[in-house]
N, C-alpha and C. Protein backbone atom coordinates (compact mmCIF):
# COMPACT_ATOMS: atom_id res chain seq x y z
N GLY A 1 4.33 2.48 29.92
CA GLY A 1 4.88 4.26 29.50
C GLY A 1 5.88 4.35 29.29
N VAL A 2 6.08 5.91 28.98
CA VAL A 2 7.19 6.85 28.28
C VAL A 2 8.31 6.08 30.18
N HIS A 3 8.27 6.99 30.71
CA HIS A 3 9.06 7.11 31.64
C HIS A 3 9.03 5.98 32.99
N VAL A 4 7.78 5.17 32.67
CA VAL A 4 7.55 4.38 33.96
C VAL A 4 6.84 2.86 33.58
N ASP A 5 8.38 1.89 33.86
CA ASP A 5 7.10 0.42 32.92
C ASP A 5 5.56 -0.13 33.59
N GLY A 6 5.14 -0.65 32.73
CA GLY A 6 3.37 -0.73 33.04
C GLY A 6 2.36 0.12 32.62
N GLY A 7 2.89 0.34 32.01
CA GLY A 7 1.56 1.41 31.24
C GLY A 7 0.34 0.29 30.79
N MET A 8 0.64 -0.42 29.93
CA MET A 8 -0.30 -1.38 30.00
C MET A 8 -1.36 -2.32 31.15
N ARG A 9 -0.83 -2.09 32.07
CA ARG A 9 -1.51 -2.74 33.37
C ARG A 9 -3.04 -2.27 33.74
N GLU A 10 -3.74 -3.21 34.29
CA GLU A 10 -4.91 -2.60 34.41
C GLU A 10 -5.03 -1.53 35.98
N TYR A 11 -4.12 -2.05 36.81
CA TYR A 11 -3.81 -0.53 37.50
C TYR A 11 -2.38 -0.24 37.66
N LEU A 12 -2.39 1.14 37.78
CA LEU A 12 -0.68 1.20 38.02
C LEU A 12 -0.95 2.93 39.26
N SER A 13 0.18 2.38 40.04
CA SER A 13 -0.18 3.27 41.67
C SER A 13 0.72 4.60 40.87
N VAL A 14 0.19 5.68 40.97
CA VAL A 14 1.55 6.76 40.78
C VAL A 14 0.68 7.92 41.80
N PRO A 15 1.96 9.03 41.75
CA PRO A 15 1.75 9.90 42.76
C PRO A 15 0.23 10.74 42.76
N SER A 16 -0.50 11.93 43.76
CA SER A 16 -1.54 12.22 43.21
C SER A 16 -1.40 13.26 42.52
N LYS A 17 -0.25 13.93 42.82
CA LYS A 17 -0.03 15.26 42.85
C LYS A 17 0.19 15.44 40.86
N THR A 18 0.55 13.79 40.11
CA THR A 18 0.32 13.90 38.36
C THR A 18 -0.56 13.45 38.19
N LEU A 19 -1.88 13.57 38.87
CA LEU A 19 -3.20 13.25 38.15
C LEU A 19 -3.93 14.84 37.64
N LEU A 20 -4.97 14.71 36.80
CA LEU A 20 -5.34 16.23 36.16
C LEU A 20 -6.88 15.57 36.42
N HIS A 21 -7.24 16.65 36.87
CA HIS A 21 -8.81 16.38 36.52
C HIS A 21 -9.88 16.73 35.45
N GLY A 22 -10.75 15.78 35.08
CA GLY A 22 -11.43 15.79 33.86
C GLY A 22 -12.00 16.79 33.46
N GLU A 23 -12.64 17.26 34.64
CA GLU A 23 -13.22 18.45 34.06
C GLU A 23 -14.48 18.20 33.33
N ASP A 24 -14.87 16.72 33.73
CA ASP A 24 -16.26 16.69 33.26
C ASP A 24 -16.58 16.13 32.04
N LEU A 25 -15.10 16.52 30.80
CA LEU A 25 -15.42 15.40 29.70
C LEU A 25 -15.46 14.55 29.79
N SER A 26 -16.14 13.76 28.45
CA SER A 26 -16.32 12.61 28.41
C SER A 26 -15.34 11.45 27.98
N TYR A 27 -15.53 10.45 28.18
CA TYR A 27 -14.31 9.12 27.94
C TYR A 27 -13.61 9.89 26.54
N ASP A 28 -14.35 10.00 25.77
CA ASP A 28 -13.52 9.69 24.01
C ASP A 28 -13.39 11.48 24.37
N GLU A 29 -13.28 12.65 24.71
CA GLU A 29 -12.89 13.64 24.99
C GLU A 29 -11.40 13.33 25.36
N LEU A 30 -11.45 12.91 26.81
CA LEU A 30 -10.20 12.86 26.99
C LEU A 30 -9.35 11.92 26.62
N ALA A 31 -9.78 10.68 26.04
CA ALA A 31 -8.38 10.15 25.64
C ALA A 31 -7.86 10.62 24.36
N LEU A 32 -8.33 12.08 23.53
CA LEU A 32 -7.70 12.58 22.80
C LEU A 32 -6.93 13.62 23.67
N VAL A 33 -6.50 13.93 24.91
CA VAL A 33 -5.64 15.21 25.51
C VAL A 33 -4.79 14.52 25.49
N GLU A 34 -4.31 13.18 25.56
CA GLU A 34 -2.58 12.74 25.39
C GLU A 34 -2.05 13.15 24.17
N PRO A 35 -2.72 12.67 22.54
CA PRO A 35 -2.67 12.98 21.65
C PRO A 35 -2.13 14.59 21.12
N LEU A 36 -3.22 14.95 21.72
CA LEU A 36 -3.59 16.86 21.73
C LEU A 36 -2.31 17.71 22.35
N ALA A 37 -1.77 17.00 23.32
CA ALA A 37 -0.97 17.67 23.89
C ALA A 37 0.40 17.54 23.13
N ILE A 38 0.61 16.39 22.73
CA ILE A 38 1.81 15.90 22.23
C ILE A 38 1.75 17.92 20.80
N GLY A 39 1.26 17.92 19.90
CA GLY A 39 1.33 18.87 19.32
C GLY A 39 0.82 20.81 20.31
N ALA A 40 0.25 20.48 21.10
CA ALA A 40 -0.07 21.73 21.96
C ALA A 40 1.76 22.08 22.53
N HIS A 41 2.71 21.11 23.02
CA HIS A 41 3.71 21.49 23.49
C HIS A 41 4.91 21.60 22.22
N GLY A 42 4.40 21.19 21.06
CA GLY A 42 5.67 21.39 19.78
C GLY A 42 5.10 23.29 19.48
N VAL A 43 3.95 23.59 19.69
CA VAL A 43 3.62 24.96 19.64
C VAL A 43 4.20 25.38 20.55
N ARG A 44 4.46 25.45 21.76
CA ARG A 44 4.68 25.92 22.59
C ARG A 44 6.64 26.12 22.53
N ARG A 45 6.93 24.95 22.50
CA ARG A 45 8.40 24.92 22.55
C ARG A 45 8.79 25.90 21.59
N ALA A 46 8.00 25.92 19.93
CA ALA A 46 8.42 26.77 19.25
C ALA A 46 7.71 28.16 19.80
N ASP A 47 7.53 28.70 20.52
CA ASP A 47 6.84 29.98 21.12
C ASP A 47 5.84 30.50 20.15
N VAL A 48 4.94 30.41 19.56
CA VAL A 48 4.71 30.86 18.52
C VAL A 48 3.76 31.76 18.92
N GLN A 49 3.59 33.13 18.13
CA GLN A 49 3.00 34.58 18.25
C GLN A 49 2.22 34.47 17.39
N PRO A 50 0.93 35.29 17.92
CA PRO A 50 -0.25 35.60 16.50
C PRO A 50 0.18 36.00 15.50
N GLY A 51 -0.63 35.90 14.85
CA GLY A 51 0.25 36.62 13.62
C GLY A 51 1.17 35.85 12.51
N GLU A 52 1.86 35.03 13.25
CA GLU A 52 3.22 34.63 12.55
C GLU A 52 2.47 33.18 11.53
N PHE A 53 3.19 32.93 10.77
CA PHE A 53 2.78 32.18 9.52
C PHE A 53 3.40 30.89 10.41
N VAL A 54 2.84 29.71 10.41
CA VAL A 54 3.50 28.43 10.96
C VAL A 54 2.92 27.62 10.10
N LEU A 55 3.81 26.72 9.50
CA LEU A 55 3.88 25.68 8.86
C LEU A 55 4.12 24.31 8.91
N VAL A 56 2.93 23.37 8.92
CA VAL A 56 3.18 22.18 9.58
C VAL A 56 3.06 21.22 8.83
N ILE A 57 4.33 20.30 9.04
CA ILE A 57 4.39 19.18 7.82
C ILE A 57 3.98 17.98 8.04
N GLY A 58 2.77 17.38 7.46
CA GLY A 58 2.06 16.11 7.79
C GLY A 58 0.97 16.12 8.54
N ALA A 59 -0.14 15.76 7.90
CA ALA A 59 -1.29 15.57 8.57
C ALA A 59 -2.13 14.67 9.53
N GLY A 60 -1.57 13.67 9.74
CA GLY A 60 -1.61 13.01 10.51
C GLY A 60 -2.27 13.58 11.75
N PRO A 61 -2.37 12.53 12.67
CA PRO A 61 -2.95 12.83 14.02
C PRO A 61 -2.33 14.28 14.55
N ILE A 62 -0.97 13.69 14.80
CA ILE A 62 -0.46 14.51 15.73
C ILE A 62 0.09 16.22 15.10
N GLY A 63 0.06 15.81 14.10
CA GLY A 63 0.50 17.10 12.57
C GLY A 63 -0.83 17.82 12.93
N LEU A 64 -2.05 17.26 12.92
CA LEU A 64 -3.60 17.67 12.87
C LEU A 64 -3.54 18.71 14.05
N GLY A 65 -3.25 17.92 15.60
CA GLY A 65 -3.33 18.67 16.64
C GLY A 65 -2.48 20.10 16.80
N THR A 66 -0.86 19.32 16.50
CA THR A 66 -0.32 20.95 16.28
C THR A 66 -0.84 21.70 15.29
N MET A 67 -1.93 21.53 14.11
CA MET A 67 -2.12 23.04 13.94
C MET A 67 -3.20 23.24 14.68
N GLU A 68 -4.00 22.63 15.42
CA GLU A 68 -5.01 23.26 15.94
C GLU A 68 -4.32 24.11 16.75
N PHE A 69 -3.45 23.89 17.59
CA PHE A 69 -2.85 24.51 18.59
C PHE A 69 -2.45 26.04 18.44
N ALA A 70 -1.81 25.96 16.70
CA ALA A 70 -1.41 26.66 16.33
C ALA A 70 -2.24 28.14 16.18
N ARG A 71 -3.49 27.22 15.61
CA ARG A 71 -4.24 28.42 15.39
C ARG A 71 -4.91 29.40 16.94
N ILE A 72 -5.06 28.50 17.49
CA ILE A 72 -5.86 28.77 19.05
C ILE A 72 -4.35 29.86 19.20
N ALA A 73 -3.28 29.31 18.84
CA ALA A 73 -2.31 30.51 19.50
C ALA A 73 -2.55 32.00 18.76
N GLY A 74 -3.20 31.41 17.59
CA GLY A 74 -3.23 32.95 16.38
C GLY A 74 -2.13 33.50 15.77
N ALA A 75 -1.88 31.71 15.37
CA ALA A 75 -1.32 31.95 13.93
C ALA A 75 -1.83 31.73 12.84
N LYS A 76 -1.29 31.94 11.83
CA LYS A 76 -1.94 31.86 10.04
C LYS A 76 -1.00 30.26 9.84
N VAL A 77 -1.82 29.42 9.70
CA VAL A 77 -1.42 28.15 9.64
C VAL A 77 -1.51 27.56 8.29
N ILE A 78 -0.43 26.72 7.61
CA ILE A 78 -0.33 26.09 6.29
C ILE A 78 0.02 24.59 6.90
N ALA A 79 -0.78 23.90 6.44
CA ALA A 79 -0.26 22.50 6.28
C ALA A 79 -0.54 21.71 5.03
N LEU A 80 0.71 20.88 5.40
CA LEU A 80 1.94 20.32 3.99
C LEU A 80 1.45 19.09 4.36
N ASP A 81 0.80 18.38 3.53
CA ASP A 81 0.73 16.74 3.61
C ASP A 81 0.66 16.16 2.09
N ILE A 82 0.85 14.83 1.83
CA ILE A 82 0.73 14.19 0.44
C ILE A 82 -0.66 13.87 0.27
N ASN A 83 -1.51 14.22 1.03
CA ASN A 83 -3.11 12.63 0.92
C ASN A 83 -4.23 14.64 1.20
N ASN A 84 -4.33 14.57 -0.31
CA ASN A 84 -5.49 15.88 -0.63
C ASN A 84 -6.81 15.35 0.37
N ASP A 85 -7.23 14.07 0.96
CA ASP A 85 -8.05 13.86 1.84
C ASP A 85 -7.89 14.67 2.60
N ARG A 86 -7.07 14.45 3.46
CA ARG A 86 -6.53 15.27 4.90
C ARG A 86 -6.09 16.59 4.74
N LEU A 87 -5.55 16.83 3.48
CA LEU A 87 -5.41 18.43 3.11
C LEU A 87 -7.13 19.04 3.10
N ALA A 88 -8.12 18.35 2.76
CA ALA A 88 -9.35 18.95 2.40
C ALA A 88 -9.94 18.87 4.07
N PHE A 89 -9.79 17.95 4.98
CA PHE A 89 -9.64 17.80 6.25
C PHE A 89 -9.28 19.40 7.38
N CYS A 90 -8.55 19.30 6.71
CA CYS A 90 -7.74 20.31 7.14
C CYS A 90 -8.17 21.79 7.41
N LYS A 91 -8.66 21.70 5.88
CA LYS A 91 -9.55 22.96 5.87
C LYS A 91 -10.71 23.08 6.33
N ASP A 92 -11.50 22.14 5.87
CA ASP A 92 -13.16 22.51 6.54
C ASP A 92 -13.41 22.23 8.07
N LYS A 93 -12.68 20.98 8.41
CA LYS A 93 -12.39 20.51 10.10
C LYS A 93 -11.99 21.94 10.99
N LEU A 94 -10.43 21.75 10.74
CA LEU A 94 -9.90 22.53 11.48
C LEU A 94 -9.61 23.82 11.05
N LYS A 95 -10.10 24.57 10.23
CA LYS A 95 -10.26 26.00 9.92
C LYS A 95 -8.74 26.40 9.08
N VAL A 96 -7.77 25.80 8.72
CA VAL A 96 -6.45 25.88 8.38
C VAL A 96 -6.67 26.87 7.23
N ASP A 97 -5.55 27.94 7.35
CA ASP A 97 -5.65 29.17 6.83
C ASP A 97 -5.49 28.47 4.99
N HIS A 98 -4.78 27.68 5.25
CA HIS A 98 -3.61 27.28 3.66
C HIS A 98 -3.13 25.99 3.81
N VAL A 99 -3.59 25.30 2.61
CA VAL A 99 -2.99 23.65 2.38
C VAL A 99 -2.34 23.72 1.14
N ILE A 100 -1.40 22.65 0.83
CA ILE A 100 -0.37 22.79 -0.15
C ILE A 100 -0.23 21.27 -0.28
N ASN A 101 -0.55 20.50 -1.38
CA ASN A 101 0.16 19.19 -1.38
C ASN A 101 1.71 19.21 -1.62
N ALA A 102 2.49 18.80 -0.93
CA ALA A 102 3.58 18.00 -0.78
C ALA A 102 4.19 17.80 -2.17
N LEU A 103 3.39 17.15 -3.33
CA LEU A 103 3.58 16.55 -4.57
C LEU A 103 3.92 17.79 -5.03
N ASP A 104 3.32 19.01 -4.94
CA ASP A 104 3.35 19.77 -6.05
C ASP A 104 5.00 20.25 -6.63
N ASN A 105 4.87 20.98 -7.82
CA ASN A 105 6.27 20.98 -8.47
C ASN A 105 6.87 22.56 -7.48
N ASP A 106 6.07 23.34 -7.28
CA ASP A 106 5.72 24.23 -6.79
C ASP A 106 6.13 25.02 -5.17
N VAL A 107 5.82 24.10 -4.43
CA VAL A 107 5.24 24.63 -2.90
C VAL A 107 6.38 25.70 -2.56
N ILE A 108 7.05 26.02 -2.57
CA ILE A 108 8.32 27.51 -2.16
C ILE A 108 7.64 28.56 -2.70
N ASP A 109 7.29 28.17 -4.05
CA ASP A 109 6.42 29.46 -4.67
C ASP A 109 5.21 29.64 -3.89
N GLN A 110 4.61 28.58 -3.97
CA GLN A 110 3.15 28.77 -3.21
C GLN A 110 3.10 29.47 -1.31
N LEU A 111 4.58 28.78 -0.89
CA LEU A 111 4.72 29.50 0.38
C LEU A 111 5.25 30.90 -0.06
N SER A 112 5.78 31.16 -0.89
CA SER A 112 6.55 32.68 -0.85
C SER A 112 5.22 33.24 -1.06
N LYS A 113 4.29 32.68 -2.08
CA LYS A 113 3.09 34.00 -2.00
C LYS A 113 2.12 34.11 -1.25
N ILE A 114 1.93 32.90 -0.42
CA ILE A 114 1.39 32.86 1.07
C ILE A 114 1.47 34.00 2.19
N THR A 115 2.79 33.93 1.98
CA THR A 115 3.41 34.45 3.05
C THR A 115 4.11 35.89 2.57
N ASN A 116 3.84 36.65 1.71
CA ASN A 116 4.24 37.56 0.86
C ASN A 116 5.69 38.20 0.76
N ALA A 117 6.56 36.78 0.25
CA ALA A 117 7.72 36.23 0.18
C ALA A 117 8.50 36.36 1.35
N ASP A 118 8.28 36.29 2.43
CA ASP A 118 8.66 36.30 3.72
C ASP A 118 9.19 34.50 4.01
N MET A 119 8.39 33.74 3.98
CA MET A 119 8.39 32.06 4.25
C MET A 119 8.06 32.27 5.56
N PRO A 120 7.40 31.21 6.18
CA PRO A 120 7.17 30.75 7.29
C PRO A 120 7.94 30.99 8.68
N THR A 121 7.98 31.70 9.50
CA THR A 121 8.45 31.98 10.38
C THR A 121 8.86 30.38 11.46
N VAL A 122 7.79 29.72 11.38
CA VAL A 122 7.88 28.68 12.12
C VAL A 122 7.69 27.42 11.29
N VAL A 123 8.63 26.44 11.37
CA VAL A 123 7.94 25.09 10.69
C VAL A 123 8.31 23.61 11.81
N ILE A 124 7.24 23.12 11.21
CA ILE A 124 6.95 21.82 12.80
C ILE A 124 6.59 21.30 11.43
N ASP A 125 7.90 20.03 11.70
CA ASP A 125 7.67 18.70 11.20
C ASP A 125 6.87 17.72 12.07
N ALA A 126 6.05 16.86 11.50
CA ALA A 126 4.97 15.78 12.33
C ALA A 126 5.05 14.43 11.79
N THR A 127 6.13 14.48 11.08
CA THR A 127 6.13 13.28 10.11
C THR A 127 7.41 12.38 10.47
N GLY A 128 8.23 12.82 11.04
CA GLY A 128 9.64 12.15 11.39
C GLY A 128 10.01 11.73 9.58
N ASN A 129 10.29 12.28 8.79
CA ASN A 129 10.76 11.29 7.60
C ASN A 129 11.65 12.32 7.11
N GLN A 130 12.63 11.47 6.53
CA GLN A 130 13.85 12.04 6.39
C GLN A 130 13.97 12.99 5.23
N LYS A 131 13.41 12.90 3.81
CA LYS A 131 13.05 13.62 2.86
C LYS A 131 12.04 15.01 3.24
N ALA A 132 11.33 14.69 4.00
CA ALA A 132 10.27 15.96 5.00
C ALA A 132 11.17 17.01 5.50
N ILE A 133 11.89 16.29 6.10
CA ILE A 133 12.73 17.23 6.96
C ILE A 133 14.20 18.19 6.07
N ASN A 134 14.11 17.38 5.20
CA ASN A 134 15.58 17.65 4.44
C ASN A 134 14.85 19.12 3.52
N ASN A 135 13.22 18.68 2.69
CA ASN A 135 12.59 19.75 2.46
C ASN A 135 12.39 20.99 2.60
N ALA A 136 12.19 20.73 4.51
CA ALA A 136 11.92 21.94 5.31
C ALA A 136 12.45 22.82 4.95
N ILE A 137 13.74 22.75 5.45
CA ILE A 137 14.94 23.82 5.31
C ILE A 137 15.00 24.42 4.38
N ASN A 138 14.17 24.02 3.20
CA ASN A 138 13.80 25.14 2.14
C ASN A 138 12.64 26.10 2.22
N TYR A 139 11.83 25.68 3.52
CA TYR A 139 10.65 26.32 3.50
C TYR A 139 10.85 27.82 4.59
N MET A 140 11.69 27.93 5.33
CA MET A 140 11.87 28.56 6.58
C MET A 140 12.53 29.66 6.15
N ALA A 141 11.95 30.86 6.99
CA ALA A 141 12.55 32.30 6.78
C ALA A 141 13.26 32.36 7.07
N HIS A 142 14.36 33.54 7.09
CA HIS A 142 15.28 33.75 8.11
C HIS A 142 15.20 33.70 9.59
N GLY A 143 16.19 33.39 10.36
CA GLY A 143 15.65 33.17 11.42
C GLY A 143 14.68 32.67 12.53
N ALA A 144 14.05 31.59 11.04
CA ALA A 144 12.99 30.54 11.40
C ALA A 144 13.20 29.70 12.80
N ARG A 145 12.03 29.27 13.28
CA ARG A 145 12.32 28.28 14.30
C ARG A 145 11.69 26.96 13.56
N PHE A 146 12.89 25.68 13.86
CA PHE A 146 12.50 24.77 12.77
C PHE A 146 12.00 23.77 13.73
N VAL A 147 11.03 23.08 14.67
CA VAL A 147 10.88 21.97 15.71
C VAL A 147 10.28 20.50 15.01
N LEU A 148 10.77 19.75 15.64
CA LEU A 148 11.20 18.47 14.74
C LEU A 148 10.12 17.37 16.03
N ILE A 149 8.56 17.61 15.76
CA ILE A 149 7.95 16.55 16.88
C ILE A 149 7.84 15.02 16.56
N GLY A 150 7.96 15.00 14.86
CA GLY A 150 8.33 13.85 13.98
C GLY A 150 9.42 12.72 14.75
N LEU A 151 9.82 11.87 14.67
CA LEU A 151 11.00 11.22 14.95
C LEU A 151 11.70 10.21 13.91
N GLN A 152 12.78 11.04 13.59
CA GLN A 152 13.82 10.17 12.64
C GLN A 152 13.88 8.80 13.02
N LYS A 153 13.99 7.92 12.83
CA LYS A 153 14.63 6.86 13.27
C LYS A 153 16.18 6.21 12.84
N GLY A 154 17.27 7.43 12.47
CA GLY A 154 18.29 7.25 12.17
C GLY A 154 18.92 8.42 12.66
N ASP A 155 20.22 8.81 11.59
CA ASP A 155 21.20 10.02 11.86
C ASP A 155 19.96 11.19 10.74
N LEU A 156 20.18 12.45 11.32
CA LEU A 156 19.65 13.42 10.77
C LEU A 156 20.73 14.16 9.85
N ILE A 157 20.02 14.38 8.87
CA ILE A 157 21.07 14.52 7.63
C ILE A 157 20.35 15.48 7.02
N PHE A 158 20.67 16.82 6.77
CA PHE A 158 20.27 17.84 6.14
C PHE A 158 21.50 18.97 5.55
N ASN A 159 21.26 19.86 4.52
CA ASN A 159 21.59 20.59 3.85
C ASN A 159 22.56 22.12 5.06
N HIS A 160 23.41 21.74 5.63
CA HIS A 160 24.00 22.57 6.45
C HIS A 160 23.77 24.38 6.07
N PRO A 161 24.68 24.17 4.55
CA PRO A 161 24.42 25.65 4.14
C PRO A 161 23.41 26.55 3.90
N GLU A 162 22.30 25.74 3.88
CA GLU A 162 20.84 25.85 3.52
C GLU A 162 20.15 26.35 5.18
N PHE A 163 20.70 25.45 5.98
CA PHE A 163 19.95 26.01 6.85
C PHE A 163 20.44 26.89 8.01
N HIS A 164 22.32 27.19 7.31
CA HIS A 164 23.27 28.09 8.60
C HIS A 164 22.67 29.54 7.91
N LYS A 165 22.86 29.48 6.58
CA LYS A 165 22.48 31.20 5.96
C LYS A 165 21.27 31.91 6.27
N ARG A 166 20.33 30.62 7.04
CA ARG A 166 19.07 31.05 7.33
C ARG A 166 19.25 31.57 8.82
N GLU A 167 20.27 31.46 9.26
CA GLU A 167 20.19 31.93 11.16
C GLU A 167 19.26 31.06 12.17
N SER A 168 18.82 29.64 11.39
CA SER A 168 17.72 28.84 12.22
C SER A 168 17.91 28.36 13.25
N THR A 169 16.95 28.49 14.00
CA THR A 169 16.94 27.49 15.12
C THR A 169 16.34 26.08 15.38
N LEU A 170 17.32 25.24 15.54
CA LEU A 170 16.25 23.50 15.49
C LEU A 170 15.94 23.35 16.94
N MET A 171 15.15 22.60 16.93
CA MET A 171 14.29 22.12 18.10
C MET A 171 13.88 20.88 18.43
N SER A 172 13.88 20.21 19.26
CA SER A 172 13.15 18.76 19.39
C SER A 172 12.18 18.82 20.13
N SER A 173 10.72 18.23 20.35
CA SER A 173 9.76 17.97 20.78
C SER A 173 9.57 16.90 21.55
N ARG A 174 9.45 16.73 22.15
CA ARG A 174 8.75 15.27 22.92
C ARG A 174 8.20 15.41 23.84
N ASN A 175 7.01 14.25 23.40
CA ASN A 175 5.84 14.03 24.30
C ASN A 175 4.93 15.67 25.00
N ALA A 176 4.78 15.53 25.90
CA ALA A 176 4.20 16.64 26.74
C ALA A 176 4.19 16.81 27.81
N ASN A 177 3.94 17.71 28.72
CA ASN A 177 4.10 17.69 30.15
C ASN A 177 2.69 18.50 30.16
N ILE A 178 2.46 18.85 31.74
CA ILE A 178 1.22 19.31 32.64
C ILE A 178 0.90 19.76 32.11
N GLU A 179 1.59 21.17 31.73
CA GLU A 179 1.34 22.21 31.46
C GLU A 179 0.56 22.29 29.71
N ASP A 180 0.67 21.47 29.44
CA ASP A 180 0.51 20.44 27.72
C ASP A 180 -0.77 20.51 27.94
N PHE A 181 -1.07 19.10 29.06
CA PHE A 181 -2.46 18.14 29.59
C PHE A 181 -3.36 19.43 29.93
N GLU A 182 -2.96 20.26 30.83
CA GLU A 182 -3.51 21.60 31.11
C GLU A 182 -4.21 22.24 29.93
N HIS A 183 -3.53 23.02 29.10
CA HIS A 183 -3.74 23.81 28.00
C HIS A 183 -5.13 23.05 27.03
N VAL A 184 -4.42 21.81 27.13
CA VAL A 184 -5.94 21.19 26.04
C VAL A 184 -7.23 20.96 26.59
N ILE A 185 -6.94 20.38 27.63
CA ILE A 185 -8.27 20.41 28.64
C ILE A 185 -9.23 21.36 28.70
N LYS A 186 -8.77 22.69 29.02
CA LYS A 186 -8.88 24.11 29.16
C LYS A 186 -9.22 24.58 27.65
N SER A 187 -8.72 24.16 26.83
CA SER A 187 -9.11 24.55 25.02
C SER A 187 -10.44 23.70 24.85
N MET A 188 -10.65 22.35 25.38
CA MET A 188 -11.74 21.62 24.83
C MET A 188 -12.41 22.33 25.92
N LYS A 189 -12.61 22.54 27.12
CA LYS A 189 -14.05 23.22 27.71
C LYS A 189 -14.25 24.44 27.22
N ALA A 190 -13.79 25.36 26.46
CA ALA A 190 -13.76 26.64 26.22
C ALA A 190 -14.29 26.25 24.98
N GLY A 191 -14.23 25.10 24.44
CA GLY A 191 -15.17 25.15 22.69
C GLY A 191 -14.06 25.33 21.89
N LEU A 192 -13.07 25.61 22.06
CA LEU A 192 -11.66 25.84 20.92
C LEU A 192 -11.64 24.60 20.40
N VAL A 193 -11.53 23.82 20.83
CA VAL A 193 -11.35 22.36 20.36
C VAL A 193 -12.55 21.48 20.18
N ASN A 194 -12.80 20.58 19.18
CA ASN A 194 -14.22 19.74 18.73
C ASN A 194 -13.44 18.60 18.81
N PRO A 195 -13.80 17.82 19.81
CA PRO A 195 -13.16 16.69 19.65
C PRO A 195 -13.21 15.69 18.52
N THR A 196 -14.82 16.10 18.15
CA THR A 196 -15.59 14.95 17.57
C THR A 196 -14.85 14.93 15.85
N ASN A 197 -14.18 15.95 15.91
CA ASN A 197 -13.70 16.48 14.29
C ASN A 197 -12.19 14.97 14.20
N TYR A 198 -12.00 14.95 15.17
CA TYR A 198 -10.72 14.00 15.16
C TYR A 198 -11.68 12.04 15.29
N ILE A 199 -12.73 12.06 15.98
CA ILE A 199 -13.30 10.45 16.01
C ILE A 199 -13.88 10.41 15.31
N THR A 200 -12.96 9.32 14.10
CA THR A 200 -13.55 9.11 12.97
C THR A 200 -13.90 7.67 12.70
N HIS A 201 -13.80 6.56 13.89
CA HIS A 201 -14.48 5.33 14.20
C HIS A 201 -14.40 5.42 15.43
N GLN A 202 -15.61 3.91 15.44
CA GLN A 202 -16.30 3.72 17.22
C GLN A 202 -16.01 2.12 16.94
N VAL A 203 -15.65 1.54 18.12
CA VAL A 203 -15.42 -0.25 17.64
C VAL A 203 -15.35 -0.52 19.48
N LYS A 204 -16.02 -1.59 19.44
CA LYS A 204 -16.03 -2.13 20.52
C LYS A 204 -14.84 -2.99 20.54
N PHE A 205 -14.11 -3.31 21.86
CA PHE A 205 -13.11 -3.98 22.24
C PHE A 205 -12.97 -5.35 21.46
N GLU A 206 -14.39 -5.92 21.23
CA GLU A 206 -14.43 -7.59 21.25
C GLU A 206 -13.67 -7.16 19.37
N GLU A 207 -14.27 -6.15 18.96
CA GLU A 207 -14.02 -5.92 17.55
C GLU A 207 -12.84 -5.57 17.41
N VAL A 208 -11.68 -5.36 17.90
CA VAL A 208 -10.44 -4.81 17.34
C VAL A 208 -9.83 -5.59 16.58
N LYS A 209 -9.92 -6.92 17.09
CA LYS A 209 -9.15 -8.03 16.38
C LYS A 209 -9.31 -7.48 14.64
N ASP A 210 -10.56 -7.58 14.64
CA ASP A 210 -11.21 -7.80 12.90
C ASP A 210 -10.95 -6.38 12.12
N GLU A 211 -10.90 -5.37 12.86
CA GLU A 211 -10.92 -4.17 12.70
C GLU A 211 -9.67 -3.44 12.39
N PHE A 212 -8.44 -4.14 13.11
CA PHE A 212 -7.26 -2.88 13.28
C PHE A 212 -6.60 -2.98 11.99
N GLU A 213 -6.64 -4.17 11.38
CA GLU A 213 -5.88 -4.05 9.99
C GLU A 213 -6.35 -3.19 9.05
N SER A 214 -7.68 -2.75 9.22
CA SER A 214 -8.41 -1.86 7.82
C SER A 214 -8.30 -0.53 8.35
N TRP A 215 -7.77 -0.18 9.23
CA TRP A 215 -7.25 1.11 10.09
C TRP A 215 -6.05 1.24 9.28
N LEU A 216 -5.39 0.65 8.85
CA LEU A 216 -4.30 1.31 8.28
C LEU A 216 -3.79 1.59 7.21
N ASP A 217 -5.04 1.07 6.51
CA ASP A 217 -5.45 1.55 5.29
C ASP A 217 -5.97 3.37 4.96
N PRO A 218 -4.91 3.61 4.27
CA PRO A 218 -5.61 5.16 4.21
C PRO A 218 -7.09 5.65 3.78
N LYS A 219 -7.58 4.74 3.00
CA LYS A 219 -8.54 4.92 2.05
C LYS A 219 -9.67 4.84 2.82
N ASN A 220 -9.92 4.78 4.74
CA ASN A 220 -10.76 4.36 5.36
C ASN A 220 -10.45 5.68 6.34
N GLY A 221 -9.55 6.31 6.22
CA GLY A 221 -9.66 7.90 6.54
C GLY A 221 -10.08 7.65 8.11
N VAL A 222 -8.91 6.69 8.32
CA VAL A 222 -8.93 6.80 9.91
C VAL A 222 -8.20 7.84 10.43
N ILE A 223 -8.32 8.76 11.29
CA ILE A 223 -7.57 9.55 12.09
C ILE A 223 -7.63 8.96 13.60
N LYS A 224 -8.73 8.94 14.53
CA LYS A 224 -8.88 8.39 16.04
C LYS A 224 -9.66 7.40 15.72
N ALA A 225 -9.72 6.09 16.02
CA ALA A 225 -10.45 5.03 15.98
C ALA A 225 -10.76 4.93 17.87
N MET A 226 -11.90 5.05 18.63
CA MET A 226 -12.27 4.55 19.74
C MET A 226 -12.50 3.39 20.16
N VAL A 227 -12.02 2.76 21.66
CA VAL A 227 -12.81 1.30 21.63
C VAL A 227 -13.15 1.59 22.59
N SER A 228 -14.39 1.10 22.64
CA SER A 228 -15.06 0.87 23.76
C SER A 228 -15.51 -0.31 24.75
N ILE A 229 -15.17 -0.09 25.93
CA ILE A 229 -15.08 -1.86 27.01
C ILE A 229 -16.00 -1.21 27.56
N ASP A 230 -16.98 -2.07 27.69
CA ASP A 230 -18.70 -2.67 28.31
C ASP A 230 -18.03 -3.10 29.81
C-alpha cells in the first residue's frame, strides 16, 4: 500500500473508521473509485471554480478522471495529448469542451483562441513528463494554478522567468483522501460519472498472464482492464 505495507495480502486489518460504504455500487464501479479519486483530488487542490478554463495535460486514466471532475466542478475543460484516439474519447465519451494535439505547432495559439486570449487559469499535468511540464508554463494565464499530479522521477527544471512573470502558483497533488473517495462515490451514484466509459477490457484472473503484455500496446485502446476472480 501507499502508507502501510501489505496491500497485496489476502487480508489486512484496518480501523473501521477508514472504511467507506460502497453504496450498492458494482465491483467494477468500486474498482474505479480509487483511480478516479486521484484526479478528483487534483481538481480539489486547484480549487477549480465554475466557468474557469482548465487545461489537463495527458489523457491517460488519471488525466481522464481529472477532466471528468473538472467538468463536474463546472469548468470549461481542455484536453491536451498526443494520441488522437484518446482525444476523440475525451470529446465523445467525457464531453470535454475542447481537445488539442500536443504535437501541433500552434498549441499556444489554439489555447489563446479557446480562452479569448486569457489562457487557462488552471493547468493540471497528468503525465509526469519533463517536456510536458516545461511546455505547460507557456500555457498558463497570469496568476494561474499549476498542479502536478503526474510524478517526474528526477529534478524538476523549468524556465523561471516564464513562471515568475505570471505570478503562478505551483502545487503537487499526491493520491487522494477520504473526502475525494466520498466525492467520487456520490458522483457515481448521482449519474455524473459513467464508469463503463473507462472499462475497455474484461478478463478472468487466469487469463491475465497471457493478456497483460498486449495491454501495453496503445493500439489496443486499453484504459482500464477489469480482472474477475471466480
